Amino acid sequence: EDGDTVTHSDKSLKRNLSFVWKAPDQPIGDI
């Protein structure tokens, strides 16, 4: 589904990254 995965968009060096994930509105259990 749209936006369920994140990947790099360039090959710049990375070390510390922050994201926000939104849980579905319906119960899905532990993740």
mmCIF file of all heavy atoms, coordinates in Angstrom:
data_MODEL
# 
_entry.id   MODEL 
# 
loop_
_atom_site.group_PDB 
_atom_site.id 
_atom_site.type_symbol 
_atom_site.label_atom_id 
_atom_site.label_alt_id 
_atom_site.label_comp_id 
_atom_site.label_asym_id 
_atom_site.label_entity_id 
_atom_site.label_seq_id 
_atom_site.pdbx_PDB_ins_code 
_atom_site.Cartn_x 
_atom_site.Cartn_y 
_atom_site.Cartn_z 
_atom_site.occupancy 
_atom_site.B_iso_or_equiv 
_atom_site.pdbx_formal_charge 
_atom_site.auth_seq_id 
_atom_site.auth_comp_id 
_atom_site.auth_asym_id 
_atom_site.auth_atom_id 
_atom_site.pdbx_PDB_model_num 
ATOM 1   N N   . GLU A 1 1  ? 0.853  -1.183 0.000  1.00 0.00 ? 1  GLU A N   1 
ATOM 2   C CA  . GLU A 1 1  ? 0.000  0.000  0.000  1.00 0.00 ? 1  GLU A CA  1 
ATOM 3   C C   . GLU A 1 1  ? 0.888  1.233  0.000  1.00 0.00 ? 1  GLU A C   1 
ATOM 4   O O   . GLU A 1 1  ? 2.054  1.170  0.381  1.00 0.00 ? 1  GLU A O   1 
ATOM 5   C CB  . GLU A 1 1  ? -0.987 -0.002 1.167  1.00 0.00 ? 1  GLU A CB  1 
ATOM 6   C CG  . GLU A 1 1  ? -0.370 0.131  2.539  1.00 0.00 ? 1  GLU A CG  1 
ATOM 7   C CD  . GLU A 1 1  ? -1.423 0.202  3.623  1.00 0.00 ? 1  GLU A CD  1 
ATOM 8   O OE1 . GLU A 1 1  ? -1.906 1.321  3.912  1.00 0.00 ? 1  GLU A OE1 1 
ATOM 9   O OE2 . GLU A 1 1  ? -1.753 -0.848 4.179  1.00 0.00 ? 1  GLU A OE2 1 
ATOM 10  N N   . ASP A 1 2  ? 0.336  2.356  -0.421 1.00 0.00 ? 2  ASP A N   1 
ATOM 11  C CA  . ASP A 1 2  ? 1.128  3.587  -0.554 1.00 0.00 ? 2  ASP A CA  1 
ATOM 12  C C   . ASP A 1 2  ? 1.888  3.916  0.723  1.00 0.00 ? 2  ASP A C   1 
ATOM 13  O O   . ASP A 1 2  ? 1.286  3.982  1.802  1.00 0.00 ? 2  ASP A O   1 
ATOM 14  C CB  . ASP A 1 2  ? 0.223  4.781  -0.895 1.00 0.00 ? 2  ASP A CB  1 
ATOM 15  C CG  . ASP A 1 2  ? -0.290 4.730  -2.326 1.00 0.00 ? 2  ASP A CG  1 
ATOM 16  O OD1 . ASP A 1 2  ? 0.233  3.931  -3.127 1.00 0.00 ? 2  ASP A OD1 1 
ATOM 17  O OD2 . ASP A 1 2  ? -1.215 5.508  -2.631 1.00 0.00 ? 2  ASP A OD2 1 
ATOM 18  N N   . GLY A 1 3  ? 3.208  4.115  0.590  1.00 0.00 ? 3  GLY A N   1 
ATOM 19  C CA  . GLY A 1 3  ? 4.007  4.589  1.704  1.00 0.00 ? 3  GLY A CA  1 
ATOM 20  C C   . GLY A 1 3  ? 4.294  3.592  2.801  1.00 0.00 ? 3  GLY A C   1 
ATOM 21  O O   . GLY A 1 3  ? 4.666  3.984  3.909  1.00 0.00 ? 3  GLY A O   1 
ATOM 22  N N   . ASP A 1 4  ? 4.151  2.297  2.533  1.00 0.00 ? 4  ASP A N   1 
ATOM 23  C CA  . ASP A 1 4  ? 4.388  1.304  3.588  1.00 0.00 ? 4  ASP A CA  1 
ATOM 24  C C   . ASP A 1 4  ? 5.864  0.953  3.775  1.00 0.00 ? 4  ASP A C   1 
ATOM 25  O O   . ASP A 1 4  ? 6.234  0.262  4.720  1.00 0.00 ? 4  ASP A O   1 
ATOM 26  C CB  . ASP A 1 4  ? 3.572  0.030  3.352  1.00 0.00 ? 4  ASP A CB  1 
ATOM 27  C CG  . ASP A 1 4  ? 3.915  -0.698 2.058  1.00 0.00 ? 4  ASP A CG  1 
ATOM 28  O OD1 . ASP A 1 4  ? 4.863  -0.302 1.347  1.00 0.00 ? 4  ASP A OD1 1 
ATOM 29  O OD2 . ASP A 1 4  ? 3.207  -1.682 1.745  1.00 0.00 ? 4  ASP A OD2 1 
ATOM 30  N N   . THR A 1 5  ? 6.725  1.461  2.906  1.00 0.00 ? 5  THR A N   1 
ATOM 31  C CA  . THR A 1 5  ? 8.150  1.151  2.945  1.00 0.00 ? 5  THR A CA  1 
ATOM 32  C C   . THR A 1 5  ? 8.933  2.422  2.629  1.00 0.00 ? 5  THR A C   1 
ATOM 33  O O   . THR A 1 5  ? 8.472  3.258  1.856  1.00 0.00 ? 5  THR A O   1 
ATOM 34  C CB  . THR A 1 5  ? 8.477  0.056  1.905  1.00 0.00 ? 5  THR A CB  1 
ATOM 35  O OG1 . THR A 1 5  ? 7.692  -1.110 2.207  1.00 0.00 ? 5  THR A OG1 1 
ATOM 36  C CG2 . THR A 1 5  ? 9.944  -0.322 1.897  1.00 0.00 ? 5  THR A CG2 1 
ATOM 37  N N   . VAL A 1 6  ? 10.123 2.560  3.224  1.00 0.00 ? 6  VAL A N   1 
ATOM 38  C CA  . VAL A 1 6  ? 11.005 3.693  2.949  1.00 0.00 ? 6  VAL A CA  1 
ATOM 39  C C   . VAL A 1 6  ? 12.347 3.161  2.481  1.00 0.00 ? 6  VAL A C   1 
ATOM 40  O O   . VAL A 1 6  ? 12.849 2.162  3.012  1.00 0.00 ? 6  VAL A O   1 
ATOM 41  C CB  . VAL A 1 6  ? 11.225 4.575  4.203  1.00 0.00 ? 6  VAL A CB  1 
ATOM 42  C CG1 . VAL A 1 6  ? 12.048 5.814  3.846  1.00 0.00 ? 6  VAL A CG1 1 
ATOM 43  C CG2 . VAL A 1 6  ? 9.917  4.967  4.844  1.00 0.00 ? 6  VAL A CG2 1 
ATOM 44  N N   . THR A 1 7  ? 12.931 3.826  1.492  1.00 0.00 ? 7  THR A N   1 
ATOM 45  C CA  . THR A 1 7  ? 14.263 3.483  1.009  1.00 0.00 ? 7  THR A CA  1 
ATOM 46  C C   . THR A 1 7  ? 15.057 4.768  0.786  1.00 0.00 ? 7  THR A C   1 
ATOM 47  O O   . THR A 1 7  ? 14.508 5.871  0.888  1.00 0.00 ? 7  THR A O   1 
ATOM 48  C CB  . THR A 1 7  ? 14.192 2.648  -0.292 1.00 0.00 ? 7  THR A CB  1 
ATOM 49  O OG1 . THR A 1 7  ? 15.520 2.169  -0.609 1.00 0.00 ? 7  THR A OG1 1 
ATOM 50  C CG2 . THR A 1 7  ? 13.659 3.457  -1.461 1.00 0.00 ? 7  THR A CG2 1 
ATOM 51  N N   . HIS A 1 8  ? 16.340 4.616  0.502  1.00 0.00 ? 8  HIS A N   1 
ATOM 52  C CA  . HIS A 1 8  ? 17.188 5.780  0.217  1.00 0.00 ? 8  HIS A CA  1 
ATOM 53  C C   . HIS A 1 8  ? 16.853 6.333  -1.166 1.00 0.00 ? 8  HIS A C   1 
ATOM 54  O O   . HIS A 1 8  ? 16.400 5.604  -2.039 1.00 0.00 ? 8  HIS A O   1 
ATOM 55  C CB  . HIS A 1 8  ? 18.671 5.399  0.293  1.00 0.00 ? 8  HIS A CB  1 
ATOM 56  C CG  . HIS A 1 8  ? 19.063 4.295  -0.625 1.00 0.00 ? 8  HIS A CG  1 
ATOM 57  N ND1 . HIS A 1 8  ? 18.703 2.975  -0.401 1.00 0.00 ? 8  HIS A ND1 1 
ATOM 58  C CD2 . HIS A 1 8  ? 19.745 4.303  -1.787 1.00 0.00 ? 8  HIS A CD2 1 
ATOM 59  C CE1 . HIS A 1 8  ? 19.177 2.224  -1.386 1.00 0.00 ? 8  HIS A CE1 1 
ATOM 60  N NE2 . HIS A 1 8  ? 19.809 2.997  -2.245 1.00 0.00 ? 8  HIS A NE2 1 
ATOM 61  N N   . SER A 1 9  ? 17.080 7.629  -1.354 1.00 0.00 ? 9  SER A N   1 
ATOM 62  C CA  . SER A 1 9  ? 16.837 8.230  -2.666 1.00 0.00 ? 9  SER A CA  1 
ATOM 63  C C   . SER A 1 9  ? 18.139 8.707  -3.310 1.00 0.00 ? 9  SER A C   1 
ATOM 64  O O   . SER A 1 9  ? 18.135 9.173  -4.438 1.00 0.00 ? 9  SER A O   1 
ATOM 65  C CB  . SER A 1 9  ? 15.858 9.412  -2.549 1.00 0.00 ? 9  SER A CB  1 
ATOM 66  O OG  . SER A 1 9  ? 16.396 10.421 -1.722 1.00 0.00 ? 9  SER A OG  1 
ATOM 67  N N   . ASP A 1 10 ? 19.219 8.592  -2.571 1.00 0.00 ? 10 ASP A N   1 
ATOM 68  C CA  . ASP A 1 10 ? 20.539 8.922  -3.117 1.00 0.00 ? 10 ASP A CA  1 
ATOM 69  C C   . ASP A 1 10 ? 21.574 8.093  -2.361 1.00 0.00 ? 10 ASP A C   1 
ATOM 70  O O   . ASP A 1 10 ? 21.240 7.407  -1.399 1.00 0.00 ? 10 ASP A O   1 
ATOM 71  C CB  . ASP A 1 10 ? 20.835 10.422 -3.008 1.00 0.00 ? 10 ASP A CB  1 
ATOM 72  C CG  . ASP A 1 10 ? 20.845 10.927 -1.575 1.00 0.00 ? 10 ASP A CG  1 
ATOM 73  O OD1 . ASP A 1 10 ? 21.369 10.229 -0.670 1.00 0.00 ? 10 ASP A OD1 1 
ATOM 74  O OD2 . ASP A 1 10 ? 20.333 12.031 -1.341 1.00 0.00 ? 10 ASP A OD2 1 
ATOM 75  N N   . LYS A 1 11 ? 22.807 8.147  -2.799 1.00 0.00 ? 11 LYS A N   1 
ATOM 76  C CA  . LYS A 1 11 ? 23.822 7.334  -2.131 1.00 0.00 ? 11 LYS A CA  1 
ATOM 77  C C   . LYS A 1 11 ? 24.710 8.153  -1.195 1.00 0.00 ? 11 LYS A C   1 
ATOM 78  O O   . LYS A 1 11 ? 25.820 7.773  -0.888 1.00 0.00 ? 11 LYS A O   1 
ATOM 79  C CB  . LYS A 1 11 ? 24.646 6.542  -3.141 1.00 0.00 ? 11 LYS A CB  1 
ATOM 80  C CG  . LYS A 1 11 ? 25.333 7.350  -4.202 1.00 0.00 ? 11 LYS A CG  1 
ATOM 81  C CD  . LYS A 1 11 ? 26.035 6.419  -5.167 1.00 0.00 ? 11 LYS A CD  1 
ATOM 82  C CE  . LYS A 1 11 ? 26.705 7.245  -6.257 1.00 0.00 ? 11 LYS A CE  1 
ATOM 83  N NZ  . LYS A 1 11 ? 27.420 6.407  -7.197 1.00 0.00 ? 11 LYS A NZ  1 
ATOM 84  N N   . SER A 1 12 ? 24.183 9.275  -0.701 1.00 0.00 ? 12 SER A N   1 
ATOM 85  C CA  . SER A 1 12 ? 24.919 10.035 0.296  1.00 0.00 ? 12 SER A CA  1 
ATOM 86  C C   . SER A 1 12 ? 25.085 9.182  1.555  1.00 0.00 ? 12 SER A C   1 
ATOM 87  O O   . SER A 1 12 ? 24.268 8.303  1.835  1.00 0.00 ? 12 SER A O   1 
ATOM 88  C CB  . SER A 1 12 ? 24.179 11.333 0.634  1.00 0.00 ? 12 SER A CB  1 
ATOM 89  O OG  . SER A 1 12 ? 22.945 11.036 1.244  1.00 0.00 ? 12 SER A OG  1 
ATOM 90  N N   . LEU A 1 13 ? 26.139 9.442  2.303  1.00 0.00 ? 13 LEU A N   1 
ATOM 91  C CA  . LEU A 1 13 ? 26.390 8.667  3.508  1.00 0.00 ? 13 LEU A CA  1 
ATOM 92  C C   . LEU A 1 13 ? 25.385 9.048  4.588  1.00 0.00 ? 13 LEU A C   1 
ATOM 93  O O   . LEU A 1 13 ? 25.078 10.216 4.787  1.00 0.00 ? 13 LEU A O   1 
ATOM 94  C CB  . LEU A 1 13 ? 27.820 8.896  3.985  1.00 0.00 ? 13 LEU A CB  1 
ATOM 95  C CG  . LEU A 1 13 ? 28.895 8.429  3.004  1.00 0.00 ? 13 LEU A CG  1 
ATOM 96  C CD1 . LEU A 1 13 ? 30.284 8.725  3.549  1.00 0.00 ? 13 LEU A CD1 1 
ATOM 97  C CD2 . LEU A 1 13 ? 28.747 6.961  2.667  1.00 0.00 ? 13 LEU A CD2 1 
ATOM 98  N N   . LYS A 1 14 ? 24.869 8.029  5.273  1.00 0.00 ? 14 LYS A N   1 
ATOM 99  C CA  . LYS A 1 14 ? 23.848 8.210  6.299  1.00 0.00 ? 14 LYS A CA  1 
ATOM 100 C C   . LYS A 1 14 ? 24.337 7.590  7.600  1.00 0.00 ? 14 LYS A C   1 
ATOM 101 O O   . LYS A 1 14 ? 25.124 6.660  7.589  1.00 0.00 ? 14 LYS A O   1 
ATOM 102 C CB  . LYS A 1 14 ? 22.545 7.543  5.855  1.00 0.00 ? 14 LYS A CB  1 
ATOM 103 C CG  . LYS A 1 14 ? 21.969 8.152  4.590  1.00 0.00 ? 14 LYS A CG  1 
ATOM 104 C CD  . LYS A 1 14 ? 21.123 7.149  3.832  1.00 0.00 ? 14 LYS A CD  1 
ATOM 105 C CE  . LYS A 1 14 ? 20.660 7.660  2.497  1.00 0.00 ? 14 LYS A CE  1 
ATOM 106 N NZ  . LYS A 1 14 ? 21.716 7.917  1.533  1.00 0.00 ? 14 LYS A NZ  1 
ATOM 107 N N   . ARG A 1 15 ? 23.837 8.100  8.718  1.00 0.00 ? 15 ARG A N   1 
ATOM 108 C CA  . ARG A 1 15 ? 24.222 7.541  10.008 1.00 0.00 ? 15 ARG A CA  1 
ATOM 109 C C   . ARG A 1 15 ? 23.049 7.537  10.988 1.00 0.00 ? 15 ARG A C   1 
ATOM 110 O O   . ARG A 1 15 ? 22.781 6.537  11.614 1.00 0.00 ? 15 ARG A O   1 
ATOM 111 C CB  . ARG A 1 15 ? 25.393 8.316  10.594 1.00 0.00 ? 15 ARG A CB  1 
ATOM 112 C CG  . ARG A 1 15 ? 26.084 7.570  11.708 1.00 0.00 ? 15 ARG A CG  1 
ATOM 113 C CD  . ARG A 1 15 ? 27.339 8.265  12.124 1.00 0.00 ? 15 ARG A CD  1 
ATOM 114 N NE  . ARG A 1 15 ? 28.431 7.843  11.291 1.00 0.00 ? 15 ARG A NE  1 
ATOM 115 C CZ  . ARG A 1 15 ? 29.637 7.581  11.738 1.00 0.00 ? 15 ARG A CZ  1 
ATOM 116 N NH1 . ARG A 1 15 ? 29.905 7.719  13.016 1.00 0.00 ? 15 ARG A NH1 1 
ATOM 117 N NH2 . ARG A 1 15 ? 30.586 7.198  10.921 1.00 0.00 ? 15 ARG A NH2 1 
ATOM 118 N N   . ASN A 1 16 ? 22.344 8.647  11.136 1.00 0.00 ? 16 ASN A N   1 
ATOM 119 C CA  . ASN A 1 16 ? 21.219 8.765  12.065 1.00 0.00 ? 16 ASN A CA  1 
ATOM 120 C C   . ASN A 1 16 ? 20.005 9.298  11.315 1.00 0.00 ? 16 ASN A C   1 
ATOM 121 O O   . ASN A 1 16 ? 20.070 10.365 10.726 1.00 0.00 ? 16 ASN A O   1 
ATOM 122 C CB  . ASN A 1 16 ? 21.582 9.705  13.214 1.00 0.00 ? 16 ASN A CB  1 
ATOM 123 C CG  . ASN A 1 16 ? 22.763 9.182  14.005 1.00 0.00 ? 16 ASN A CG  1 
ATOM 124 O OD1 . ASN A 1 16 ? 22.786 8.034  14.406 1.00 0.00 ? 16 ASN A OD1 1 
ATOM 125 N ND2 . ASN A 1 16 ? 23.752 10.040 14.206 1.00 0.00 ? 16 ASN A ND2 1 
ATOM 126 N N   . LEU A 1 17 ? 18.917 8.536  11.347 1.00 0.00 ? 17 LEU A N   1 
ATOM 127 C CA  . LEU A 1 17 ? 17.721 8.885  10.584 1.00 0.00 ? 17 LEU A CA  1 
ATOM 128 C C   . LEU A 1 17 ? 16.496 8.831  11.493 1.00 0.00 ? 17 LEU A C   1 
ATOM 129 O O   . LEU A 1 17 ? 16.411 7.979  12.380 1.00 0.00 ? 17 LEU A O   1 
ATOM 130 C CB  . LEU A 1 17 ? 17.530 7.921  9.414  1.00 0.00 ? 17 LEU A CB  1 
ATOM 131 C CG  . LEU A 1 17 ? 18.684 7.803  8.417  1.00 0.00 ? 17 LEU A CG  1 
ATOM 132 C CD1 . LEU A 1 17 ? 18.437 6.662  7.448  1.00 0.00 ? 17 LEU A CD1 1 
ATOM 133 C CD2 . LEU A 1 17 ? 18.856 9.113  7.663  1.00 0.00 ? 17 LEU A CD2 1 
ATOM 134 N N   . SER A 1 18 ? 15.535 9.714  11.232 1.00 0.00 ? 18 SER A N   1 
ATOM 135 C CA  . SER A 1 18 ? 14.282 9.733  11.998 1.00 0.00 ? 18 SER A CA  1 
ATOM 136 C C   . SER A 1 18 ? 13.094 9.643  11.055 1.00 0.00 ? 18 SER A C   1 
ATOM 137 O O   . SER A 1 18 ? 13.066 10.306 10.015 1.00 0.00 ? 18 SER A O   1 
ATOM 138 C CB  . SER A 1 18 ? 14.181 11.020 12.818 1.00 0.00 ? 18 SER A CB  1 
ATOM 139 O OG  . SER A 1 18 ? 15.209 11.066 13.773 1.00 0.00 ? 18 SER A OG  1 
ATOM 140 N N   . PHE A 1 19 ? 12.111 8.852  11.449 1.00 0.00 ? 19 PHE A N   1 
ATOM 141 C CA  . PHE A 1 19 ? 10.910 8.599  10.659 1.00 0.00 ? 19 PHE A CA  1 
ATOM 142 C C   . PHE A 1 19 ? 9.701  8.678  11.583 1.00 0.00 ? 19 PHE A C   1 
ATOM 143 O O   . PHE A 1 19 ? 9.835  8.586  12.800 1.00 0.00 ? 19 PHE A O   1 
ATOM 144 C CB  . PHE A 1 19 ? 10.937 7.190  10.055 1.00 0.00 ? 19 PHE A CB  1 
ATOM 145 C CG  . PHE A 1 19 ? 12.173 6.882  9.269  1.00 0.00 ? 19 PHE A CG  1 
ATOM 146 C CD1 . PHE A 1 19 ? 13.325 6.415  9.893  1.00 0.00 ? 19 PHE A CD1 1 
ATOM 147 C CD2 . PHE A 1 19 ? 12.189 7.049  7.885  1.00 0.00 ? 19 PHE A CD2 1 
ATOM 148 C CE1 . PHE A 1 19 ? 14.470 6.128  9.174  1.00 0.00 ? 19 PHE A CE1 1 
ATOM 149 C CE2 . PHE A 1 19 ? 13.335 6.755  7.149  1.00 0.00 ? 19 PHE A CE2 1 
ATOM 150 C CZ  . PHE A 1 19 ? 14.477 6.302  7.796  1.00 0.00 ? 19 PHE A CZ  1 
ATOM 151 N N   . VAL A 1 20 ? 8.516  8.802  10.994 1.00 0.00 ? 20 VAL A N   1 
ATOM 152 C CA  . VAL A 1 20 ? 7.269  8.642  11.752 1.00 0.00 ? 20 VAL A CA  1 
ATOM 153 C C   . VAL A 1 20 ? 6.408  7.657  10.977 1.00 0.00 ? 20 VAL A C   1 
ATOM 154 O O   . VAL A 1 20 ? 6.152  7.837  9.780  1.00 0.00 ? 20 VAL A O   1 
ATOM 155 C CB  . VAL A 1 20 ? 6.526  9.981  11.961 1.00 0.00 ? 20 VAL A CB  1 
ATOM 156 C CG1 . VAL A 1 20 ? 5.184  9.737  12.660 1.00 0.00 ? 20 VAL A CG1 1 
ATOM 157 C CG2 . VAL A 1 20 ? 7.383  10.952 12.767 1.00 0.00 ? 20 VAL A CG2 1 
ATOM 158 N N   . TRP A 1 21 ? 5.964  6.607  11.682 1.00 0.00 ? 21 TRP A N   1 
ATOM 159 C CA  . TRP A 1 21 ? 5.115  5.560  11.115 1.00 0.00 ? 21 TRP A CA  1 
ATOM 160 C C   . TRP A 1 21 ? 3.710  5.722  11.680 1.00 0.00 ? 21 TRP A C   1 
ATOM 161 O O   . TRP A 1 21 ? 3.545  5.995  12.868 1.00 0.00 ? 21 TRP A O   1 
ATOM 162 C CB  . TRP A 1 21 ? 5.681  4.197  11.492 1.00 0.00 ? 21 TRP A CB  1 
ATOM 163 C CG  . TRP A 1 21 ? 4.850  3.030  11.096 1.00 0.00 ? 21 TRP A CG  1 
ATOM 164 C CD1 . TRP A 1 21 ? 4.792  2.438  9.864  1.00 0.00 ? 21 TRP A CD1 1 
ATOM 165 C CD2 . TRP A 1 21 ? 3.983  2.260  11.946 1.00 0.00 ? 21 TRP A CD2 1 
ATOM 166 N NE1 . TRP A 1 21 ? 3.931  1.372  9.900  1.00 0.00 ? 21 TRP A NE1 1 
ATOM 167 C CE2 . TRP A 1 21 ? 3.418  1.234  11.161 1.00 0.00 ? 21 TRP A CE2 1 
ATOM 168 C CE3 . TRP A 1 21 ? 3.623  2.356  13.290 1.00 0.00 ? 21 TRP A CE3 1 
ATOM 169 C CZ2 . TRP A 1 21 ? 2.534  0.295  11.672 1.00 0.00 ? 21 TRP A CZ2 1 
ATOM 170 C CZ3 . TRP A 1 21 ? 2.731  1.425  13.802 1.00 0.00 ? 21 TRP A CZ3 1 
ATOM 171 C CH2 . TRP A 1 21 ? 2.190  0.419  12.991 1.00 0.00 ? 21 TRP A CH2 1 
ATOM 172 N N   . LYS A 1 22 ? 2.707  5.591  10.815 1.00 0.00 ? 22 LYS A N   1 
ATOM 173 C CA  . LYS A 1 22 ? 1.313  5.682  11.260 1.00 0.00 ? 22 LYS A CA  1 
ATOM 174 C C   . LYS A 1 22 ? 0.687  4.293  11.226 1.00 0.00 ? 22 LYS A C   1 
ATOM 175 O O   . LYS A 1 22 ? 0.683  3.621  10.191 1.00 0.00 ? 22 LYS A O   1 
ATOM 176 C CB  . LYS A 1 22 ? 0.516  6.631  10.374 1.00 0.00 ? 22 LYS A CB  1 
ATOM 177 C CG  . LYS A 1 22 ? -0.923 6.819  10.863 1.00 0.00 ? 22 LYS A CG  1 
ATOM 178 C CD  . LYS A 1 22 ? -1.700 7.767  9.978  1.00 0.00 ? 22 LYS A CD  1 
ATOM 179 C CE  . LYS A 1 22 ? -3.109 7.989  10.467 1.00 0.00 ? 22 LYS A CE  1 
ATOM 180 N NZ  . LYS A 1 22 ? -3.927 6.798  10.541 1.00 0.00 ? 22 LYS A NZ  1 
ATOM 181 N N   . ALA A 1 23 ? 0.159  3.890  12.372 1.00 0.00 ? 23 ALA A N   1 
ATOM 182 C CA  . ALA A 1 23 ? -0.525 2.596  12.478 1.00 0.00 ? 23 ALA A CA  1 
ATOM 183 C C   . ALA A 1 23 ? -1.855 2.658  11.735 1.00 0.00 ? 23 ALA A C   1 
ATOM 184 O O   . ALA A 1 23 ? -2.498 3.712  11.693 1.00 0.00 ? 23 ALA A O   1 
ATOM 185 C CB  . ALA A 1 23 ? -0.772 2.265  13.945 1.00 0.00 ? 23 ALA A CB  1 
ATOM 186 N N   . PRO A 1 24 ? -2.279 1.549  11.169 1.00 0.00 ? 24 PRO A N   1 
ATOM 187 C CA  . PRO A 1 24 ? -3.613 1.521  10.553 1.00 0.00 ? 24 PRO A CA  1 
ATOM 188 C C   . PRO A 1 24 ? -4.693 1.815  11.599 1.00 0.00 ? 24 PRO A C   1 
ATOM 189 O O   . PRO A 1 24 ? -4.483 1.604  12.792 1.00 0.00 ? 24 PRO A O   1 
ATOM 190 C CB  . PRO A 1 24 ? -3.750 0.078  10.042 1.00 0.00 ? 24 PRO A CB  1 
ATOM 191 C CG  . PRO A 1 24 ? -2.356 -0.441 9.957  1.00 0.00 ? 24 PRO A CG  1 
ATOM 192 C CD  . PRO A 1 24 ? -1.577 0.275  11.026 1.00 0.00 ? 24 PRO A CD  1 
ATOM 193 N N   . ASP A 1 25 ? -5.826 2.308  11.143 1.00 0.00 ? 25 ASP A N   1 
ATOM 194 C CA  . ASP A 1 25 ? -6.929 2.624  12.058 1.00 0.00 ? 25 ASP A CA  1 
ATOM 195 C C   . ASP A 1 25 ? -7.576 1.363  12.637 1.00 0.00 ? 25 ASP A C   1 
ATOM 196 O O   . ASP A 1 25 ? -8.166 1.417  13.714 1.00 0.00 ? 25 ASP A O   1 
ATOM 197 C CB  . ASP A 1 25 ? -7.982 3.473  11.344 1.00 0.00 ? 25 ASP A CB  1 
ATOM 198 C CG  . ASP A 1 25 ? -7.455 4.865  11.019 1.00 0.00 ? 25 ASP A CG  1 
ATOM 199 O OD1 . ASP A 1 25 ? -6.566 5.360  11.750 1.00 0.00 ? 25 ASP A OD1 1 
ATOM 200 O OD2 . ASP A 1 25 ? -7.909 5.452  10.019 1.00 0.00 ? 25 ASP A OD2 1 
ATOM 201 N N   . GLN A 1 26 ? -7.468 0.253  11.926 1.00 0.00 ? 26 GLN A N   1 
ATOM 202 C CA  . GLN A 1 26 ? -8.024 -1.005 12.432 1.00 0.00 ? 26 GLN A CA  1 
ATOM 203 C C   . GLN A 1 26 ? -6.926 -1.786 13.159 1.00 0.00 ? 26 GLN A C   1 
ATOM 204 O O   . GLN A 1 26 ? -5.756 -1.636 12.851 1.00 0.00 ? 26 GLN A O   1 
ATOM 205 C CB  . GLN A 1 26 ? -8.625 -1.846 11.294 1.00 0.00 ? 26 GLN A CB  1 
ATOM 206 C CG  . GLN A 1 26 ? -7.620 -2.500 10.365 1.00 0.00 ? 26 GLN A CG  1 
ATOM 207 C CD  . GLN A 1 26 ? -7.025 -1.577 9.304  1.00 0.00 ? 26 GLN A CD  1 
ATOM 208 O OE1 . GLN A 1 26 ? -7.271 -0.379 9.283  1.00 0.00 ? 26 GLN A OE1 1 
ATOM 209 N NE2 . GLN A 1 26 ? -6.205 -2.142 8.436  1.00 0.00 ? 26 GLN A NE2 1 
ATOM 210 N N   . PRO A 1 27 ? -7.287 -2.607 14.158 1.00 0.00 ? 27 PRO A N   1 
ATOM 211 C CA  . PRO A 1 27 ? -6.286 -3.370 14.906 1.00 0.00 ? 27 PRO A CA  1 
ATOM 212 C C   . PRO A 1 27 ? -5.509 -4.333 13.998 1.00 0.00 ? 27 PRO A C   1 
ATOM 213 O O   . PRO A 1 27 ? -6.090 -4.994 13.141 1.00 0.00 ? 27 PRO A O   1 
ATOM 214 C CB  . PRO A 1 27 ? -7.118 -4.153 15.928 1.00 0.00 ? 27 PRO A CB  1 
ATOM 215 C CG  . PRO A 1 27 ? -8.400 -3.411 16.039 1.00 0.00 ? 27 PRO A CG  1 
ATOM 216 C CD  . PRO A 1 27 ? -8.643 -2.806 14.678 1.00 0.00 ? 27 PRO A CD  1 
ATOM 217 N N   . ILE A 1 28 ? -4.198 -4.374 14.202 1.00 0.00 ? 28 ILE A N   1 
ATOM 218 C CA  . ILE A 1 28 ? -3.352 -5.317 13.437 1.00 0.00 ? 28 ILE A CA  1 
ATOM 219 C C   . ILE A 1 28 ? -2.465 -6.151 14.344 1.00 0.00 ? 28 ILE A C   1 
ATOM 220 O O   . ILE A 1 28 ? -1.764 -7.042 13.888 1.00 0.00 ? 28 ILE A O   1 
ATOM 221 C CB  . ILE A 1 28 ? -2.467 -4.588 12.403 1.00 0.00 ? 28 ILE A CB  1 
ATOM 222 C CG1 . ILE A 1 28 ? -1.563 -3.562 13.098 1.00 0.00 ? 28 ILE A CG1 1 
ATOM 223 C CG2 . ILE A 1 28 ? -3.320 -3.957 11.314 1.00 0.00 ? 28 ILE A CG2 1 
ATOM 224 C CD1 . ILE A 1 28 ? -0.447 -3.037 12.219 1.00 0.00 ? 28 ILE A CD1 1 
ATOM 225 N N   . GLY A 1 29 ? -2.455 -5.852 15.643 1.00 0.00 ? 29 GLY A N   1 
ATOM 226 C CA  . GLY A 1 29 ? -1.615 -6.601 16.572 1.00 0.00 ? 29 GLY A CA  1 
ATOM 227 C C   . GLY A 1 29 ? -0.243 -5.967 16.748 1.00 0.00 ? 29 GLY A C   1 
ATOM 228 O O   . GLY A 1 29 ? 0.023  -4.862 16.279 1.00 0.00 ? 29 GLY A O   1 
ATOM 229 N N   . ASP A 1 30 ? 0.624  -6.696 17.433 1.00 0.00 ? 30 ASP A N   1 
ATOM 230 C CA  . ASP A 1 30 ? 1.964  -6.205 17.726 1.00 0.00 ? 30 ASP A CA  1 
ATOM 231 C C   . ASP A 1 30 ? 2.779  -6.095 16.433 1.00 0.00 ? 30 ASP A C   1 
ATOM 232 O O   . ASP A 1 30 ? 2.568  -6.859 15.486 1.00 0.00 ? 30 ASP A O   1 
ATOM 233 C CB  . ASP A 1 30 ? 2.674  -7.152 18.693 1.00 0.00 ? 30 ASP A CB  1 
ATOM 234 C CG  . ASP A 1 30 ? 1.958  -7.275 20.035 1.00 0.00 ? 30 ASP A CG  1 
ATOM 235 O OD1 . ASP A 1 30 ? 1.032  -6.477 20.295 1.00 0.00 ? 30 ASP A OD1 1 
ATOM 236 O OD2 . ASP A 1 30 ? 2.318  -8.174 20.810 1.00 0.00 ? 30 ASP A OD2 1 
ATOM 237 N N   . ILE A 1 31 ? 3.724  -5.148 16.437 1.00 0.00 ? 31 ILE A N   1 
ATOM 238 C CA  . ILE A 1 31 ? 4.563  -4.943 15.252 1.00 0.00 ? 31 ILE A CA  1 
ATOM 239 C C   . ILE A 1 31 ? 6.032  -4.841 15.664 1.00 0.00 ? 31 ILE A C   1 
ATOM 240 O O   . ILE A 1 31 ? 6.353  -4.613 16.837 1.00 0.00 ? 31 ILE A O   1 
ATOM 241 C CB  . ILE A 1 31 ? 4.152  -3.677 14.454 1.00 0.00 ? 31 ILE A CB  1 
ATOM 242 C CG1 . ILE A 1 31 ? 4.172  -2.408 15.319 1.00 0.00 ? 31 ILE A CG1 1 
ATOM 243 C CG2 . ILE A 1 31 ? 2.789  -3.833 13.832 1.00 0.00 ? 31 ILE A CG2 1 
ATOM 244 C CD1 . ILE A 1 31 ? 5.282  -1.490 14.931 1.00 0.00 ? 31 ILE A CD1 1 
# 
